[in-house]
C-alpha atoms as a PDB file:
ATOM      1  CA  GLY A   1       0.000   0.000   0.000  1.00  0.00           C
ATOM      2  CA  THR A   2       0.882   3.655  -0.152  1.00  0.00           C
ATOM      3  CA  THR A   3       2.707   4.975   2.876  1.00  0.00           C
ATOM      4  CA  ALA A   4       2.242   8.512   4.160  1.00  0.00           C
ATOM      5  CA  ALA A   5       5.789   9.322   3.012  1.00  0.00           C
ATOM      6  CA  SER A   6       5.163   8.216  -0.569  1.00  0.00           C
ATOM      7  CA  ALA A   7       1.781   9.954  -0.650  1.00  0.00           C
ATOM      8  CA  GLN A   8       3.536  13.216   0.256  1.00  0.00           C
ATOM      9  CA  LYS A   9       5.847  13.047  -2.776  1.00  0.00           C
ATOM     10  CA  ILE A  10       2.932  12.557  -5.180  1.00  0.00           C
ATOM     11  CA  PRO A  11       2.057  16.045  -6.441  1.00  0.00           C
ATOM     12  CA  THR A  12      -1.483  17.214  -5.823  1.00  0.00           C
ATOM     13  CA  PRO A  13      -3.536  18.491  -8.737  1.00  0.00           C
ATOM     14  CA  GLU A  14      -3.537  21.910  -7.051  1.00  0.00           C
ATOM     15  CA  ASP A  15       0.283  21.935  -6.891  1.00  0.00           C
ATOM     16  CA  ALA A  16       0.521  21.015 -10.578  1.00  0.00           C
ATOM     17  CA  LEU A  17      -2.301  23.182 -11.936  1.00  0.00           C
ATOM     18  CA  GLY A  18      -2.203  26.148  -9.577  1.00  0.00           C
ATOM     19  CA  PHE A  19      -5.886  25.671  -8.709  1.00  0.00           C
ATOM     20  CA  ARG A  20      -8.225  23.013  -7.320  1.00  0.00           C
ATOM     21  CA  VAL A  21      -9.848  20.723  -9.878  1.00  0.00           C
ATOM     22  CA  GLY A  22     -13.380  22.007 -10.334  1.00  0.00           C
ATOM     23  CA  ALA A  23     -12.598  25.478  -8.939  1.00  0.00           C
ATOM     24  CA  ASP A  24     -14.752  28.245 -10.337  1.00  0.00           C
ATOM     25  CA  PHE A  25     -13.291  30.111 -13.314  1.00  0.00           C
ATOM     26  CA  HIS A  26     -10.536  27.529 -13.983  1.00  0.00           C
ATOM     27  CA  LEU A  27     -10.193  24.742 -16.538  1.00  0.00           C
ATOM     28  CA  ALA A  28      -7.157  22.527 -16.925  1.00  0.00           C
ATOM     29  CA  SER A  29      -6.002  22.111 -20.500  1.00  0.00           C
ATOM     30  CA  TYR A  30      -5.015  18.734 -21.880  1.00  0.00           C
ATOM     31  CA  GLN A  31      -1.413  19.910 -21.893  1.00  0.00           C
ATOM     32  CA  GLN A  32      -1.670  20.478 -18.125  1.00  0.00           C
ATOM     33  CA  ALA A  33      -3.407  17.118 -17.586  1.00  0.00           C
ATOM     34  CA  TYR A  34      -0.810  15.296 -19.694  1.00  0.00           C
ATOM     35  CA  THR A  35       2.079  16.944 -17.825  1.00  0.00           C
ATOM     36  CA  TYR A  36       0.417  16.087 -14.510  1.00  0.00           C
ATOM     37  CA  PHE A  37      -0.099  12.429 -15.445  1.00  0.00           C
ATOM     38  CA  LYS A  38       3.570  12.172 -16.465  1.00  0.00           C
ATOM     39  CA  ALA A  39       4.517  13.683 -13.071  1.00  0.00           C
ATOM     40  CA  LEU A  40       2.278  11.132 -11.318  1.00  0.00           C
ATOM     41  CA  GLU A  41       4.018   8.359 -13.257  1.00  0.00           C
ATOM     42  CA  GLN A  42       7.415   9.649 -12.086  1.00  0.00           C
ATOM     43  CA  ALA A  43       6.207   9.870  -8.471  1.00  0.00           C
ATOM     44  CA  SER A  44       4.363   6.556  -8.113  1.00  0.00           C
ATOM     45  CA  PRO A  45       4.921   2.959  -9.227  1.00  0.00           C
ATOM     46  CA  MET A  46       1.119   2.524  -9.181  1.00  0.00           C
ATOM     47  CA  ILE A  47       0.521   4.473 -12.417  1.00  0.00           C
ATOM     48  CA  LYS A  48       1.806   3.844 -15.921  1.00  0.00           C
ATOM     49  CA  VAL A  49       1.041   6.219 -18.786  1.00  0.00           C
ATOM     50  CA  HIS A  50       0.892   4.711 -22.270  1.00  0.00           C
ATOM     51  CA  GLU A  51       0.865   6.672 -25.513  1.00  0.00           C
ATOM     52  CA  VAL A  52      -1.257   5.079 -28.227  1.00  0.00           C
ATOM     53  CA  GLY A  53      -0.696   7.603 -31.011  1.00  0.00           C
ATOM     54  CA  LYS A  54      -1.286  11.220 -31.864  1.00  0.00           C
ATOM     55  CA  THR A  55      -4.500  13.231 -32.026  1.00  0.00           C
ATOM     56  CA  PRO A  56      -5.421  15.132 -35.217  1.00  0.00           C
ATOM     57  CA  MET A  57      -3.754  18.225 -33.667  1.00  0.00           C
ATOM     58  CA  GLY A  58      -0.586  16.294 -32.809  1.00  0.00           C
ATOM     59  CA  ASN A  59      -1.164  15.805 -29.082  1.00  0.00           C
ATOM     60  CA  PRO A  60      -0.065  12.516 -27.543  1.00  0.00           C
ATOM     61  CA  MET A  61      -3.125  10.293 -27.043  1.00  0.00           C
ATOM     62  CA  ILE A  62      -2.648   8.518 -23.725  1.00  0.00           C
ATOM     63  CA  TYR A  63      -4.251   6.165 -21.312  1.00  0.00           C
ATOM     64  CA  ALA A  64      -3.152   5.638 -17.731  1.00  0.00           C
ATOM     65  CA  VAL A  65      -3.269   2.376 -15.820  1.00  0.00           C
ATOM     66  CA  ILE A  66      -3.614   2.738 -12.053  1.00  0.00           C
ATOM     67  CA  THR A  67      -3.447  -0.210  -9.673  1.00  0.00           C
ATOM     68  CA  SER A  68      -1.436  -1.526  -6.735  1.00  0.00           C
ATOM     69  CA  GLU A  69       2.284  -2.212  -7.114  1.00  0.00           C
ATOM     70  CA  ALA A  70       1.610  -5.950  -6.801  1.00  0.00           C
ATOM     71  CA  ASN A  71      -0.962  -5.815  -9.612  1.00  0.00           C
ATOM     72  CA  MET A  72       1.286  -3.593 -11.736  1.00  0.00           C
ATOM     73  CA  ALA A  73       4.024  -6.236 -11.493  1.00  0.00           C
ATOM     74  CA  LYS A  74       1.609  -8.838 -12.935  1.00  0.00           C
ATOM     75  CA  LEU A  75      -0.148  -6.596 -15.461  1.00  0.00           C
ATOM     76  CA  ASP A  76       0.830  -8.787 -18.430  1.00  0.00           C
ATOM     77  CA  ARG A  77      -0.762 -11.801 -16.720  1.00  0.00           C
ATOM     78  CA  TYR A  78      -3.958  -9.870 -15.947  1.00  0.00           C
ATOM     79  CA  GLN A  79      -4.099  -8.649 -19.537  1.00  0.00           C
ATOM     80  CA  GLU A  80      -3.817 -12.230 -20.773  1.00  0.00           C
ATOM     81  CA  ILE A  81      -6.552 -13.385 -18.360  1.00  0.00           C
ATOM     82  CA  THR A  82      -8.840 -10.563 -19.523  1.00  0.00           C
ATOM     83  CA  ARG A  83      -8.133 -11.382 -23.179  1.00  0.00           C
ATOM     84  CA  ARG A  84      -8.839 -15.100 -22.701  1.00  0.00           C
ATOM     85  CA  LEU A  85     -12.055 -14.447 -20.759  1.00  0.00           C
ATOM     86  CA  SER A  86     -13.224 -11.897 -23.332  1.00  0.00           C
ATOM     87  CA  LEU A  87     -12.722 -14.281 -26.223  1.00  0.00           C
ATOM     88  CA  VAL A  88     -13.919 -17.395 -24.279  1.00  0.00           C
ATOM     89  CA  LYS A  89     -12.996 -19.607 -27.211  1.00  0.00           C
ATOM     90  CA  GLY A  90     -11.434 -22.843 -26.066  1.00  0.00           C
ATOM     91  CA  LEU A  91     -12.200 -22.373 -22.366  1.00  0.00           C
ATOM     92  CA  THR A  92     -14.130 -24.858 -20.309  1.00  0.00           C
ATOM     93  CA  ASP A  93     -16.420 -23.501 -17.589  1.00  0.00           C
ATOM     94  CA  GLU A  94     -13.897 -24.685 -15.008  1.00  0.00           C
ATOM     95  CA  GLN A  95     -11.003 -22.895 -16.744  1.00  0.00           C
ATOM     96  CA  ALA A  96     -13.051 -19.721 -17.084  1.00  0.00           C
ATOM     97  CA  ARG A  97     -13.942 -19.774 -13.377  1.00  0.00           C
ATOM     98  CA  ALA A  98     -10.277 -20.300 -12.443  1.00  0.00           C
ATOM     99  CA  LEU A  99      -9.173 -17.413 -14.648  1.00  0.00           C
ATOM    100  CA  ALA A 100     -11.920 -15.165 -13.261  1.00  0.00           C
ATOM    101  CA  ALA A 101     -10.845 -16.003  -9.708  1.00  0.00           C
ATOM    102  CA  GLU A 102      -7.205 -15.172 -10.524  1.00  0.00           C
ATOM    103  CA  GLY A 103      -7.911 -12.043 -12.552  1.00  0.00           C
ATOM    104  CA  LYS A 104      -8.737  -8.494 -11.554  1.00  0.00           C
ATOM    105  CA  VAL A 105     -11.639  -6.239 -12.421  1.00  0.00           C
ATOM    106  CA  VAL A 106     -10.741  -3.809 -15.204  1.00  0.00           C
ATOM    107  CA  VAL A 107     -12.569  -0.477 -15.009  1.00  0.00           C
ATOM    108  CA  TYR A 108     -12.305   1.819 -18.040  1.00  0.00           C
ATOM    109  CA  ILE A 109     -13.234   5.463 -17.558  1.00  0.00           C
ATOM    110  CA  ASP A 110     -12.924   8.014 -20.303  1.00  0.00           C
ATOM    111  CA  GLY A 111     -13.633  11.641 -19.689  1.00  0.00           C
ATOM    112  CA  GLY A 112     -14.352  14.543 -21.949  1.00  0.00           C
ATOM    113  CA  LEU A 113     -15.656  13.039 -25.175  1.00  0.00           C
ATOM    114  CA  HIS A 114     -17.613  16.256 -25.768  1.00  0.00           C
ATOM    115  CA  ALA A 115     -15.201  19.077 -24.944  1.00  0.00           C
ATOM    116  CA  ASP A 116     -17.903  21.489 -23.778  1.00  0.00           C
ATOM    117  CA  GLU A 117     -19.022  18.893 -21.219  1.00  0.00           C
ATOM    118  CA  CYS A 118     -15.812  19.633 -19.386  1.00  0.00           C
ATOM    119  CA  ALA A 119     -16.332  18.108 -15.924  1.00  0.00           C
ATOM    120  CA  PRO A 120     -15.500  14.463 -16.852  1.00  0.00           C
ATOM    121  CA  ALA A 121     -12.058  15.338 -18.270  1.00  0.00           C
ATOM    122  CA  GLN A 122     -11.310  17.543 -15.248  1.00  0.00           C
ATOM    123  CA  HIS A 123     -12.531  14.718 -12.999  1.00  0.00           C
ATOM    124  CA  ASN A 124      -9.931  12.303 -14.434  1.00  0.00           C
ATOM    125  CA  ILE A 125      -7.185  14.510 -12.987  1.00  0.00           C
ATOM    126  CA  GLN A 126      -8.631  14.390  -9.471  1.00  0.00           C
ATOM    127  CA  LEU A 127      -9.600  10.718  -9.686  1.00  0.00           C
ATOM    128  CA  ALA A 128      -6.044   9.684 -10.571  1.00  0.00           C
ATOM    129  CA  TYR A 129      -4.691  11.532  -7.540  1.00  0.00           C
ATOM    130  CA  ASP A 130      -7.380  10.227  -5.185  1.00  0.00           C
ATOM    131  CA  VAL A 131      -6.897   6.581  -6.212  1.00  0.00           C
ATOM    132  CA  LEU A 132      -3.103   6.859  -5.955  1.00  0.00           C
ATOM    133  CA  THR A 133      -3.028   8.548  -2.548  1.00  0.00           C
ATOM    134  CA  GLY A 134      -6.132   7.418  -0.675  1.00  0.00           C
ATOM    135  CA  THR A 135      -5.296   5.549   2.519  1.00  0.00           C
ATOM    136  CA  ASP A 136      -8.835   4.587   3.558  1.00  0.00           C
ATOM    137  CA  PRO A 137      -9.830   0.902   3.333  1.00  0.00           C
ATOM    138  CA  ALA A 138     -12.149   1.438   0.348  1.00  0.00           C
ATOM    139  CA  THR A 139      -9.462   3.121  -1.769  1.00  0.00           C
ATOM    140  CA  ARG A 140      -6.861   0.515  -0.796  1.00  0.00           C
ATOM    141  CA  ALA A 141      -9.359  -2.194  -1.813  1.00  0.00           C
ATOM    142  CA  ILE A 142      -9.821  -0.491  -5.186  1.00  0.00           C
ATOM    143  CA  ARG A 143      -6.058  -0.430  -5.802  1.00  0.00           C
ATOM    144  CA  ASP A 144      -5.734  -4.080  -4.739  1.00  0.00           C
ATOM    145  CA  ASN A 145      -8.696  -5.444  -6.698  1.00  0.00           C
ATOM    146  CA  VAL A 146      -9.133  -3.145  -9.693  1.00  0.00           C
ATOM    147  CA  ILE A 147      -7.048  -2.186 -12.689  1.00  0.00           C
ATOM    148  CA  LEU A 148      -8.243   1.331 -13.519  1.00  0.00           C
ATOM    149  CA  VAL A 149      -7.768   2.561 -17.079  1.00  0.00           C
ATOM    150  CA  LEU A 150      -8.208   6.345 -17.357  1.00  0.00           C
ATOM    151  CA  VAL A 151      -8.486   8.028 -20.754  1.00  0.00           C
ATOM    152  CA  PHE A 152      -8.874  11.624 -21.901  1.00  0.00           C
ATOM    153  CA  ALA A 153     -11.276  10.990 -24.766  1.00  0.00           C
ATOM    154  CA  ASN A 154     -10.832  14.336 -26.552  1.00  0.00           C
ATOM    155  CA  PRO A 155      -7.438  15.927 -25.870  1.00  0.00           C
ATOM    156  CA  ASP A 156      -7.733  18.453 -28.709  1.00  0.00           C
ATOM    157  CA  GLY A 157     -11.192  19.552 -27.600  1.00  0.00           C
ATOM    158  CA  MET A 158      -9.997  19.872 -24.009  1.00  0.00           C
ATOM    159  CA  ASP A 159      -7.217  22.226 -25.150  1.00  0.00           C
ATOM    160  CA  MET A 160      -9.505  24.181 -27.492  1.00  0.00           C
ATOM    161  CA  LEU A 161     -12.109  24.704 -24.762  1.00  0.00           C
ATOM    162  CA  ALA A 162      -9.499  25.865 -22.220  1.00  0.00           C
ATOM    163  CA  ALA A 163      -7.920  28.177 -24.837  1.00  0.00           C
ATOM    164  CA  TRP A 164     -11.326  29.746 -25.534  1.00  0.00           C
ATOM    165  CA  TYR A 165     -12.480  29.812 -21.910  1.00  0.00           C
ATOM    166  CA  HIS A 166      -9.545  31.513 -20.176  1.00  0.00           C
ATOM    167  CA  PRO A 167      -9.507  34.764 -22.182  1.00  0.00           C
ATOM    168  CA  ASN A 168     -13.323  34.954 -22.030  1.00  0.00           C
ATOM    169  CA  VAL A 169     -13.845  34.415 -18.290  1.00  0.00           C
ATOM    170  CA  GLY A 170     -15.852  37.323 -16.910  1.00  0.00           C
ATOM    171  CA  THR A 171     -17.037  38.598 -20.275  1.00  0.00           C
ATOM    172  CA  PRO A 172     -20.635  38.500 -21.482  1.00  0.00           C
END
């Protein structure tokens, strides 16, 4: 689990962004979110950021995997279990039950498909921090039993909305 010492070295969203996620009159851009996720990856062995290509505007398209260190060490095995269970072909009921018992729950959350519905993309930033640093039993159970996949669904739109919003805050 995360110790208090390691939780202290993980930067908060507020430290990285200069404002609280969800604060009035502030929107994080994708560039800020991307930089923050890379900082989280440097600070914690419980998050890995993967680039899957480029967006139409040339931004890196990423997904982040967040889970316990023990699960992270066996991620290839859990991926194989998930693949085999998804395809089912060639599995007996007994084999499927054994794989399901060994595997972990995979939760996929994407935020910000529609850029002007901005809360989900902003939420991803806070959720990553909360799952990485939470010390309560429920959050520890999530890290131990779940492989969380977080995605910013529309990086270009997130940047375009922030670029429009900031110079227009306070105007009619």
